[in-house]
Amino acid sequence: MDSLEWATATELVAAYRAREVSPVEVTQAALDAIETCNAAINAWCLVDAESALSDARASEARWQAGTPRGLADGVPTSIKDLMLTRGWPTLRGSRLITPGSNEWTEDAPAVARLRENGAVLLGKVTTPEFGWKGVTHSPLTDVTRNPWDTSKTSGGSSGGSAAAVAAGMGAWSVGTDGGGSVRIPASFTGVVGLKPTYGVIPLYPASPFGTLAHAGPLARSVADAALMLDVLAGPDPRDWSSLAAPRDSFSAGLDGGVQGMRIAFSSNLGYGSNDPEVEAAVRTAVAVLQGLGAEVTELDLGWSDPVDAYHVLWFAGAAKVLEPFGPQARESIDPGLLAALERHHDFSASDFLDATAVRMKLGHDMGLLHEQYDVLLTPTLPITAFEAGVDVPAGSSSSDWTSWTPYSYPFNLTQQPAITVPCGVTGENLPVGLQIVGPRHADARILRVAAAYEQAAQWPAGINPNR
């Protein structure tokens, strides 16, 4: 515990229980890291030090009395600014929303669960406007940068969450993922990002992107991601699609290993193309799992890119979210969002049904694949982090963020659980991610595979860019 800002949530809870460190010390270390690092990274849009230290003192008293509250008592936490948080404005990266437009009296389900479990809420972290794209910059909060190289993007749309965790500014964060928005920034910043099965973590208010949208943890270790899922999982009456509470802890089976597991590997899903260093790092990670006793089969899936169907569902939602603000909203929004809506608009009911049919076929195909294979491995992304402040990398053939995220959005269409873990760094010292996908409701299984890889590869929890 020499460097409190780099401790994982599980390490902190164990240290609190042993009375080796105080939540007040840990919270102050996180606030100090924010003071030191955030000017260069710009991950935070609201920091409430007074509230955080008050919560930390209350947590300290509970631990001293031997009466901790829940699973995360005293863990410094950030909240993506798409989630309602009592007492703080939720501006969603947009100038269309003002702090005085609401009394801000309600917590989103994930925020409520974190409070119930004693987490110390430090503040809110950045998002692109309404979470619409795979990088994090907005008219309201400007550009969020990557702790590994501040000339690079942190990814998005949970880019503030990932950058905060990667830079030691809080142990973990809760983000959202409608097409890769937890996994993309986690891969770019060398942390763990989990998109659980749709409905495991309830959402309220309902996302404008409908049943593509999930909530999920960003953390420094697989154990932390499992612990946060234990905190967040279970129904909420405000979300009609939320699933029943899990029967078992997601943390319980992390040490089960992969001996005898049937693992499929696709380097490109049939239509992607990878940077050579990404390809090499991911193949090395696959070999690690094979060396642990898994039966790995490389597949040529031969898929066609489902991006057109995804665009119908995604951009119909993006257009809908702007409707309450009237036609004048177009003058104030992210120019990239405006241009995207001009490219993708006027969808009919027939278009929506056709897109849904593509989605159902993809889910059918993945269901059959998982009859033979326990999990599927892919790169999380075909590239590493690129220039900050732009929506797509230089030389891209498309202006759409989906053009460089081909392996993330398919699994929002299918609502399957998917986790990314760091699996190496390139010659430019930028992280690479390995994605592990499981059948619906197999969240514990992908966590188990991720934990086995993490332990065998001996990556530090949330590779520290400053070490």
Protein backbone atom coordinates (compact mmCIF):
# COMPACT_ATOMS: atom_id res chain seq x y z
CA MET A 1 0.00 0.00 0.00
CA ASP A 2 2.96 2.33 -0.56
CA SER A 3 1.15 4.08 -3.42
CA LEU A 4 -2.47 4.40 -2.44
CA GLU A 5 -3.67 5.89 -5.70
CA TRP A 6 -2.64 2.70 -7.57
CA ALA A 7 -4.29 0.20 -5.21
CA THR A 8 -7.14 -1.87 -6.59
CA ALA A 9 -10.57 -1.85 -5.00
CA THR A 10 -10.13 -5.39 -3.72
CA GLU A 11 -6.77 -4.48 -2.20
CA LEU A 12 -8.31 -1.45 -0.52
CA VAL A 13 -11.19 -3.38 1.02
CA ALA A 14 -8.75 -5.98 2.37
CA ALA A 15 -6.53 -3.22 3.78
CA TYR A 16 -9.49 -1.49 5.44
CA ARG A 17 -10.56 -4.77 7.00
CA ALA A 18 -7.03 -5.28 8.37
CA ARG A 19 -6.95 -1.64 9.53
CA GLU A 20 -3.76 -1.05 7.56
CA VAL A 21 -5.03 2.11 5.91
CA SER A 22 -7.95 4.51 6.24
CA PRO A 23 -10.55 5.41 3.58
CA VAL A 24 -9.73 9.03 4.39
CA GLU A 25 -6.07 8.55 3.41
CA VAL A 26 -7.06 6.74 0.23
CA THR A 27 -9.64 9.33 -0.75
CA GLN A 28 -7.16 12.14 -0.15
CA ALA A 29 -4.61 10.30 -2.32
CA ALA A 30 -7.17 10.08 -5.13
CA LEU A 31 -8.02 13.77 -4.78
CA ASP A 32 -4.31 14.64 -4.81
CA ALA A 33 -3.89 12.59 -8.01
CA ILE A 34 -6.77 14.50 -9.58
CA GLU A 35 -5.14 17.78 -8.58
CA THR A 36 -1.83 16.65 -10.08
CA CYS A 37 -2.94 14.82 -13.23
CA ASN A 38 -6.28 16.10 -14.42
CA ALA A 39 -5.09 19.33 -16.00
CA ALA A 40 -3.19 17.31 -18.61
CA ILE A 41 -5.80 14.56 -19.05
CA ASN A 42 -9.16 16.33 -18.55
CA ALA A 43 -11.08 13.29 -17.31
CA TRP A 44 -13.20 15.09 -14.71
CA CYS A 45 -16.13 17.43 -15.25
CA LEU A 46 -17.06 17.63 -11.55
CA VAL A 47 -15.02 16.95 -8.41
CA ASP A 48 -16.66 17.26 -4.99
CA ALA A 49 -13.78 16.93 -2.54
CA GLU A 50 -15.83 18.04 0.45
CA SER A 51 -18.52 15.41 -0.12
CA ALA A 52 -15.95 12.71 -0.87
CA LEU A 53 -13.97 13.34 2.32
CA SER A 54 -17.19 13.41 4.34
CA ASP A 55 -18.13 10.02 2.88
CA ALA A 56 -14.62 8.75 3.57
CA ARG A 57 -14.79 9.79 7.23
CA ALA A 58 -18.12 7.99 7.60
CA SER A 59 -16.59 4.91 5.98
CA GLU A 60 -13.58 5.09 8.31
CA ALA A 61 -15.91 5.13 11.31
CA ARG A 62 -17.79 2.08 10.01
CA TRP A 63 -14.60 0.11 9.48
CA GLN A 64 -13.31 1.07 12.93
CA ALA A 65 -16.59 -0.16 14.42
CA GLY A 66 -16.42 -3.38 12.44
CA THR A 67 -19.65 -2.56 10.58
CA PRO A 68 -18.71 -1.89 6.94
CA ARG A 69 -21.56 -1.12 4.58
CA GLY A 70 -21.68 -3.63 1.74
CA LEU A 71 -18.88 -4.71 -0.59
CA ALA A 72 -17.22 -1.44 -1.55
CA ASP A 73 -17.11 0.62 1.61
CA GLY A 74 -14.53 3.38 1.24
CA VAL A 75 -13.52 2.70 -2.39
CA PRO A 76 -12.96 5.98 -4.32
CA THR A 77 -15.25 5.90 -7.36
CA SER A 78 -16.09 8.04 -10.37
CA ILE A 79 -19.37 8.18 -12.28
CA LYS A 80 -19.73 8.75 -16.01
CA ASP A 81 -21.69 11.94 -16.61
CA LEU A 82 -24.51 10.12 -18.39
CA MET A 83 -25.78 8.71 -15.09
CA LEU A 84 -28.10 10.57 -12.75
CA THR A 85 -26.34 11.33 -9.47
CA ARG A 86 -28.21 12.85 -6.55
CA GLY A 87 -26.99 16.34 -5.70
CA TRP A 88 -24.85 16.74 -8.83
CA PRO A 89 -25.94 17.84 -12.31
CA THR A 90 -25.86 15.31 -15.13
CA LEU A 91 -24.98 17.37 -18.20
CA ARG A 92 -24.18 14.50 -20.59
CA GLY A 93 -21.37 16.41 -22.28
CA SER A 94 -23.84 18.87 -23.77
CA ARG A 95 -24.38 22.61 -23.70
CA LEU A 96 -28.08 21.90 -24.22
CA ILE A 97 -28.44 20.96 -20.55
CA THR A 98 -27.82 23.46 -17.76
CA PRO A 99 -27.13 22.68 -14.10
CA GLY A 100 -30.22 24.63 -13.07
CA SER A 101 -32.55 22.71 -15.39
CA ASN A 102 -33.26 20.05 -12.77
CA GLU A 103 -33.19 19.59 -9.01
CA TRP A 104 -30.99 16.47 -9.42
CA THR A 105 -32.66 14.50 -6.65
CA GLU A 106 -32.37 10.98 -8.05
CA ASP A 107 -29.63 8.38 -8.48
CA ALA A 108 -29.39 6.04 -11.44
CA PRO A 109 -29.56 2.39 -10.34
CA ALA A 110 -25.77 1.87 -10.54
CA VAL A 111 -25.08 5.02 -8.53
CA ALA A 112 -27.64 4.01 -5.91
CA ARG A 113 -26.03 0.58 -5.55
CA LEU A 114 -22.59 2.09 -5.13
CA ARG A 115 -23.88 4.40 -2.39
CA GLU A 116 -25.65 1.48 -0.68
CA ASN A 117 -22.33 -0.38 -0.63
CA GLY A 118 -20.41 2.52 0.89
CA ALA A 119 -18.40 3.65 -2.13
CA VAL A 120 -16.87 7.12 -1.88
CA LEU A 121 -18.10 9.14 -4.85
CA LEU A 122 -15.40 11.57 -5.96
CA GLY A 123 -17.33 13.23 -8.77
CA LYS A 124 -18.29 12.81 -12.41
CA VAL A 125 -16.14 12.06 -15.43
CA THR A 126 -16.38 13.13 -19.04
CA THR A 127 -18.34 11.75 -21.97
CA PRO A 128 -18.82 12.85 -25.56
CA GLU A 129 -22.15 14.57 -26.10
CA PHE A 130 -24.89 12.09 -25.13
CA GLY A 131 -22.28 9.31 -25.39
CA TRP A 132 -22.67 9.20 -29.15
CA LYS A 133 -19.16 8.21 -30.32
CA GLY A 134 -16.05 6.16 -29.56
CA VAL A 135 -13.81 9.02 -28.40
CA THR A 136 -14.29 11.56 -25.62
CA HIS A 137 -14.47 15.20 -26.53
CA SER A 138 -17.50 17.43 -26.43
CA PRO A 139 -18.54 21.06 -26.85
CA LEU A 140 -19.01 21.22 -23.08
CA THR A 141 -15.87 19.60 -21.69
CA ASP A 142 -13.37 19.68 -24.58
CA VAL A 143 -10.88 16.82 -25.11
CA THR A 144 -10.13 13.98 -22.70
CA ARG A 145 -6.64 12.58 -23.22
CA ASN A 146 -4.85 9.29 -22.71
CA PRO A 147 -2.60 8.95 -19.62
CA TRP A 148 -0.12 6.90 -21.66
CA ASP A 149 0.38 9.71 -24.16
CA THR A 150 -1.61 12.90 -23.77
CA SER A 151 -1.42 13.59 -27.51
CA LYS A 152 -3.65 10.51 -27.93
CA THR A 153 -7.34 9.94 -27.29
CA SER A 154 -8.58 8.03 -24.28
CA GLY A 155 -11.30 6.48 -26.44
CA GLY A 156 -14.94 6.66 -25.53
CA SER A 157 -17.60 7.13 -24.79
CA SER A 158 -16.54 6.20 -21.23
CA GLY A 159 -13.22 7.90 -21.88
CA GLY A 160 -13.28 9.95 -18.70
CA SER A 161 -13.88 6.80 -16.67
CA ALA A 162 -11.02 4.90 -18.29
CA ALA A 163 -8.56 7.79 -18.12
CA ALA A 164 -9.35 8.41 -14.45
CA VAL A 165 -8.74 4.78 -13.53
CA ALA A 166 -5.61 4.52 -15.69
CA ALA A 167 -4.10 7.67 -14.15
CA GLY A 168 -4.68 6.73 -10.50
CA MET A 169 -7.55 9.18 -10.05
CA GLY A 170 -9.87 6.78 -8.22
CA ALA A 171 -9.79 3.00 -8.01
CA TRP A 172 -12.62 2.27 -10.44
CA SER A 173 -15.47 3.83 -12.39
CA VAL A 174 -18.87 2.94 -13.77
CA GLY A 175 -19.52 3.66 -17.42
CA THR A 176 -21.94 2.78 -20.20
CA ASP A 177 -21.48 0.73 -23.36
CA GLY A 178 -23.83 0.99 -26.36
CA GLY A 179 -21.35 -0.06 -29.03
CA GLY A 180 -18.06 -0.51 -27.19
CA SER A 181 -18.08 2.53 -24.92
CA VAL A 182 -16.62 0.67 -21.93
CA ARG A 183 -14.33 -1.66 -23.89
CA ILE A 184 -12.91 0.89 -26.37
CA PRO A 185 -11.44 3.28 -23.76
CA ALA A 186 -10.39 0.40 -21.51
CA SER A 187 -8.36 -1.06 -24.38
CA PHE A 188 -6.81 2.30 -25.26
CA THR A 189 -5.80 3.04 -21.65
CA GLY A 190 -4.70 -0.40 -20.40
CA VAL A 191 -7.48 -1.12 -17.91
CA VAL A 192 -10.18 -3.77 -17.60
CA GLY A 193 -13.59 -2.98 -19.08
CA LEU A 194 -16.67 -5.20 -18.74
CA LYS A 195 -19.93 -5.05 -20.66
CA PRO A 196 -22.16 -7.57 -18.88
CA THR A 197 -25.16 -9.36 -20.33
CA TYR A 198 -27.89 -6.87 -21.14
CA GLY A 199 -30.12 -6.35 -18.11
CA VAL A 200 -27.68 -7.59 -15.47
CA ILE A 201 -27.05 -3.97 -14.46
CA PRO A 202 -30.29 -1.96 -14.63
CA LEU A 203 -30.41 1.40 -16.39
CA TYR A 204 -32.64 4.37 -15.63
CA PRO A 205 -33.58 6.57 -17.35
CA ALA A 206 -33.81 4.29 -20.35
CA SER A 207 -31.09 4.94 -22.89
CA PRO A 208 -32.10 6.67 -26.14
CA PHE A 209 -30.09 3.91 -27.80
CA GLY A 210 -32.53 1.35 -26.48
CA THR A 211 -31.46 -2.23 -25.86
CA LEU A 212 -28.00 -1.65 -27.29
CA ALA A 213 -27.02 0.15 -24.08
CA HIS A 214 -25.37 -1.54 -21.10
CA ALA A 215 -23.70 -0.22 -17.95
CA GLY A 216 -20.42 -1.70 -16.77
CA PRO A 217 -17.26 -1.41 -14.68
CA LEU A 218 -13.88 0.03 -15.63
CA ALA A 219 -11.25 -1.18 -13.21
CA ARG A 220 -7.59 -2.01 -12.63
CA SER A 221 -8.10 -5.76 -12.31
CA VAL A 222 -10.50 -8.50 -13.27
CA ALA A 223 -11.23 -9.08 -9.58
CA ASP A 224 -12.30 -5.44 -9.28
CA ALA A 225 -14.59 -5.75 -12.29
CA ALA A 226 -16.19 -8.82 -10.73
CA LEU A 227 -16.55 -7.06 -7.39
CA MET A 228 -18.24 -4.06 -8.98
CA LEU A 229 -20.57 -6.38 -10.87
CA ASP A 230 -21.48 -7.99 -7.56
CA VAL A 231 -22.37 -4.51 -6.32
CA LEU A 232 -24.35 -3.41 -9.38
CA ALA A 233 -26.19 -6.54 -10.54
CA GLY A 234 -29.85 -7.15 -9.78
CA PRO A 235 -33.24 -5.73 -10.72
CA ASP A 236 -34.47 -2.18 -10.31
CA PRO A 237 -38.21 -1.44 -10.58
CA ARG A 238 -37.49 1.54 -12.85
CA ASP A 239 -35.98 -0.73 -15.53
CA TRP A 240 -38.53 -3.22 -16.85
CA SER A 241 -35.79 -5.11 -18.72
CA SER A 242 -33.49 -5.66 -15.73
CA LEU A 243 -32.76 -9.26 -14.87
CA ALA A 244 -33.25 -11.13 -11.61
CA ALA A 245 -30.49 -10.98 -9.02
CA PRO A 246 -27.72 -13.49 -9.72
CA ARG A 247 -27.70 -16.59 -7.56
CA ASP A 248 -23.94 -16.58 -7.08
CA SER A 249 -21.23 -14.00 -6.63
CA PHE A 250 -19.34 -13.11 -9.80
CA SER A 251 -16.19 -13.00 -7.68
CA ALA A 252 -16.50 -16.55 -6.44
CA GLY A 253 -15.21 -18.50 -9.45
CA LEU A 254 -12.35 -16.33 -10.65
CA ASP A 255 -9.70 -18.92 -9.77
CA GLY A 256 -11.30 -21.74 -11.76
CA GLY A 257 -8.85 -21.58 -14.65
CA VAL A 258 -9.41 -22.60 -18.26
CA GLN A 259 -8.24 -26.20 -18.29
CA GLY A 260 -10.38 -28.09 -20.81
CA MET A 261 -12.36 -25.01 -21.92
CA ARG A 262 -13.27 -24.89 -25.60
CA ILE A 263 -12.19 -21.49 -26.87
CA ALA A 264 -12.78 -20.03 -30.33
CA PHE A 265 -10.49 -17.35 -31.68
CA SER A 266 -11.24 -14.99 -34.55
CA SER A 267 -8.67 -12.34 -35.37
CA ASN A 268 -11.08 -10.28 -37.49
CA LEU A 269 -14.68 -11.65 -37.34
CA GLY A 270 -14.37 -12.12 -41.10
CA TYR A 271 -14.23 -8.46 -42.08
CA GLY A 272 -11.72 -6.55 -39.92
CA SER A 273 -8.06 -5.71 -40.47
CA ASN A 274 -5.57 -5.31 -37.63
CA ASP A 275 -2.44 -3.31 -36.98
CA PRO A 276 0.41 -5.87 -37.02
CA GLU A 277 1.45 -5.11 -33.44
CA VAL A 278 -2.13 -5.55 -32.24
CA GLU A 279 -2.39 -8.85 -34.12
CA ALA A 280 0.86 -10.10 -32.59
CA ALA A 281 -0.07 -9.11 -29.03
CA VAL A 282 -3.50 -10.74 -29.25
CA ARG A 283 -2.10 -13.95 -30.75
CA THR A 284 0.45 -14.11 -27.93
CA ALA A 285 -2.38 -13.75 -25.41
CA VAL A 286 -4.35 -16.53 -27.10
CA ALA A 287 -1.27 -18.75 -26.86
CA VAL A 288 -1.09 -18.04 -23.11
CA LEU A 289 -4.62 -19.38 -22.64
CA GLN A 290 -3.81 -22.39 -24.77
CA GLY A 291 -0.77 -23.00 -22.57
CA LEU A 292 -3.08 -23.00 -19.53
CA GLY A 293 -4.95 -26.00 -20.91
CA ALA A 294 -7.69 -24.45 -23.03
CA GLU A 295 -8.58 -26.08 -26.35
CA VAL A 296 -8.23 -23.15 -28.76
CA THR A 297 -9.59 -23.27 -32.33
CA GLU A 298 -9.02 -20.44 -34.75
CA LEU A 299 -12.14 -19.84 -36.82
CA ASP A 300 -12.87 -18.10 -40.08
CA LEU A 301 -16.31 -16.81 -39.18
CA GLY A 302 -16.89 -15.33 -42.60
CA TRP A 303 -19.30 -12.71 -41.24
CA SER A 304 -20.44 -9.66 -43.12
CA ASP A 305 -20.05 -6.45 -41.17
CA PRO A 306 -23.40 -5.69 -39.43
CA VAL A 307 -22.56 -1.99 -39.28
CA ASP A 308 -25.40 -0.79 -41.52
CA ALA A 309 -27.96 -2.42 -39.25
CA TYR A 310 -26.17 -1.02 -36.22
CA HIS A 311 -26.22 2.48 -37.70
CA VAL A 312 -30.00 2.38 -38.13
CA LEU A 313 -30.49 1.53 -34.45
CA TRP A 314 -27.75 3.83 -33.16
CA PHE A 315 -28.39 6.99 -35.13
CA ALA A 316 -32.16 6.71 -34.81
CA GLY A 317 -31.49 6.90 -31.08
CA ALA A 318 -29.09 9.81 -31.48
CA ALA A 319 -31.68 11.77 -33.43
CA LYS A 320 -34.35 10.97 -30.86
CA VAL A 321 -32.27 12.26 -27.97
CA LEU A 322 -32.12 15.70 -29.60
CA GLU A 323 -35.86 16.02 -30.24
CA PRO A 324 -36.80 17.56 -26.86
CA PHE A 325 -34.36 20.42 -27.46
CA GLY A 326 -36.02 21.56 -30.67
CA PRO A 327 -34.53 22.38 -34.09
CA GLN A 328 -32.28 25.07 -32.66
CA ALA A 329 -30.29 22.35 -30.87
CA ARG A 330 -28.44 21.66 -34.10
CA GLU A 331 -26.62 24.98 -33.70
CA SER A 332 -25.08 23.94 -30.38
CA ILE A 333 -24.25 20.25 -30.66
CA ASP A 334 -21.01 18.51 -31.52
CA PRO A 335 -20.39 19.19 -35.25
CA GLY A 336 -19.42 15.54 -35.67
CA LEU A 337 -22.80 14.44 -34.34
CA LEU A 338 -24.59 16.84 -36.66
CA ALA A 339 -22.62 15.54 -39.65
CA ALA A 340 -23.31 11.92 -38.64
CA LEU A 341 -27.04 12.60 -38.41
CA GLU A 342 -26.93 14.14 -41.87
CA ARG A 343 -25.30 10.93 -43.16
CA HIS A 344 -27.66 8.63 -41.28
CA HIS A 345 -31.25 9.84 -41.18
CA ASP A 346 -34.83 9.34 -42.35
CA PHE A 347 -34.98 5.71 -41.27
CA SER A 348 -38.34 4.03 -41.85
CA ALA A 349 -40.11 1.44 -39.73
CA SER A 350 -39.11 -1.07 -42.40
CA ASP A 351 -35.45 -0.06 -41.99
CA PHE A 352 -35.75 -0.59 -38.25
CA LEU A 353 -37.30 -4.02 -38.70
CA ASP A 354 -34.64 -5.00 -41.23
CA ALA A 355 -31.93 -3.94 -38.78
CA THR A 356 -33.62 -5.93 -36.04
CA ALA A 357 -33.66 -8.98 -38.33
CA VAL A 358 -29.89 -8.64 -38.84
CA ARG A 359 -29.53 -8.40 -35.09
CA MET A 360 -31.59 -11.52 -34.51
CA LYS A 361 -29.63 -13.50 -37.12
CA LEU A 362 -26.36 -12.48 -35.50
CA GLY A 363 -27.68 -13.56 -32.11
CA HIS A 364 -28.78 -16.88 -33.62
CA ASP A 365 -25.34 -17.46 -35.12
CA MET A 366 -23.57 -16.64 -31.86
CA GLY A 367 -25.93 -18.90 -29.94
CA LEU A 368 -24.98 -21.81 -32.19
CA LEU A 369 -21.28 -20.96 -31.96
CA HIS A 370 -21.47 -21.15 -28.18
CA GLU A 371 -22.97 -24.62 -28.42
CA GLN A 372 -19.46 -25.65 -29.47
CA TYR A 373 -17.26 -23.06 -27.76
CA ASP A 374 -17.33 -21.69 -24.24
CA VAL A 375 -15.99 -18.26 -25.23
CA LEU A 376 -14.85 -16.35 -28.28
CA LEU A 377 -11.61 -14.35 -28.33
CA THR A 378 -11.00 -11.34 -30.58
CA PRO A 379 -8.89 -8.21 -30.47
CA THR A 380 -10.81 -5.54 -28.61
CA LEU A 381 -9.84 -3.07 -31.31
CA PRO A 382 -7.75 -3.38 -34.47
CA ILE A 383 -5.67 -0.33 -33.54
CA THR A 384 -4.20 1.49 -30.56
CA ALA A 385 -5.02 5.03 -29.44
CA PHE A 386 -4.80 7.72 -32.12
CA GLU A 387 -4.68 11.53 -32.11
CA ALA A 388 -6.82 13.22 -29.48
CA GLY A 389 -9.59 15.56 -30.59
CA VAL A 390 -10.68 13.75 -33.77
CA ASP A 391 -13.41 11.17 -34.29
CA VAL A 392 -11.48 8.77 -36.53
CA PRO A 393 -7.78 8.09 -37.10
CA ALA A 394 -5.87 9.91 -39.82
CA GLY A 395 -6.36 8.38 -43.25
CA SER A 396 -9.64 6.73 -42.34
CA SER A 397 -11.89 5.85 -45.28
CA SER A 398 -14.99 6.74 -43.23
CA SER A 399 -16.07 9.54 -40.92
CA ASP A 400 -18.04 7.11 -38.71
CA TRP A 401 -16.53 5.99 -35.40
CA THR A 402 -17.75 2.47 -36.14
CA SER A 403 -15.16 2.24 -38.94
CA TRP A 404 -12.39 1.63 -36.41
CA THR A 405 -14.37 -0.35 -33.79
CA PRO A 406 -15.43 -3.43 -35.81
CA TYR A 407 -15.19 -5.93 -32.94
CA SER A 408 -17.19 -4.13 -30.27
CA TYR A 409 -20.65 -3.14 -31.58
CA PRO A 410 -21.64 -6.65 -32.85
CA PHE A 411 -21.88 -7.80 -29.24
CA ASN A 412 -24.17 -4.93 -28.32
CA LEU A 413 -26.45 -6.14 -31.07
CA THR A 414 -26.42 -9.61 -29.50
CA GLN A 415 -26.43 -8.35 -25.87
CA GLN A 416 -23.69 -10.82 -24.91
CA PRO A 417 -21.20 -10.25 -22.10
CA ALA A 418 -17.77 -9.09 -23.27
CA ILE A 419 -14.68 -8.06 -21.34
CA THR A 420 -11.41 -6.47 -22.44
CA VAL A 421 -8.14 -7.04 -20.59
CA PRO A 422 -4.77 -5.48 -21.37
CA CYS A 423 -2.55 -7.91 -23.29
CA GLY A 424 0.53 -5.88 -24.14
CA VAL A 425 1.91 -2.59 -25.36
CA THR A 426 3.22 -1.57 -28.75
CA GLY A 427 6.59 -0.15 -29.65
CA GLU A 428 5.08 3.30 -29.10
CA ASN A 429 4.13 2.23 -25.55
CA LEU A 430 0.38 2.15 -26.18
CA PRO A 431 -1.82 -0.59 -24.68
CA VAL A 432 -3.50 -3.40 -26.64
CA GLY A 433 -6.68 -5.16 -25.51
CA LEU A 434 -7.89 -8.78 -25.73
CA GLN A 435 -11.68 -9.20 -25.90
CA ILE A 436 -13.37 -12.25 -24.36
CA VAL A 437 -17.01 -12.81 -25.37
CA GLY A 438 -19.38 -15.32 -23.82
CA PRO A 439 -22.95 -16.46 -24.40
CA ARG A 440 -25.69 -14.46 -22.75
CA HIS A 441 -25.75 -14.96 -18.98
CA ALA A 442 -22.17 -16.36 -18.94
CA ASP A 443 -20.69 -13.27 -17.26
CA ALA A 444 -18.96 -15.38 -14.61
CA ARG A 445 -17.34 -17.48 -17.34
CA ILE A 446 -15.73 -14.59 -19.19
CA LEU A 447 -14.51 -13.16 -15.89
CA ARG A 448 -12.93 -16.52 -15.10
CA VAL A 449 -11.13 -16.65 -18.46
CA ALA A 450 -10.00 -13.03 -18.07
CA ALA A 451 -8.68 -13.72 -14.56
CA ALA A 452 -6.76 -16.77 -15.75
CA TYR A 453 -5.10 -14.75 -18.50
CA GLU A 454 -4.37 -11.80 -16.21
CA GLN A 455 -2.69 -14.02 -13.63
CA ALA A 456 -0.65 -16.00 -16.15
CA ALA A 457 0.47 -12.98 -18.14
CA GLN A 458 1.37 -11.15 -14.92
CA TRP A 459 0.23 -7.79 -16.17
CA PRO A 460 0.04 -5.31 -13.33
CA ALA A 461 -3.57 -4.49 -12.49
CA GLY A 462 -4.42 -1.58 -14.75
CA ILE A 463 -0.98 -1.20 -16.34
CA ASN A 464 0.37 1.96 -14.78
CA PRO A 465 1.62 4.37 -17.47
CA ASN A 466 3.83 6.08 -14.91
CA ARG A 467 5.71 2.98 -13.76
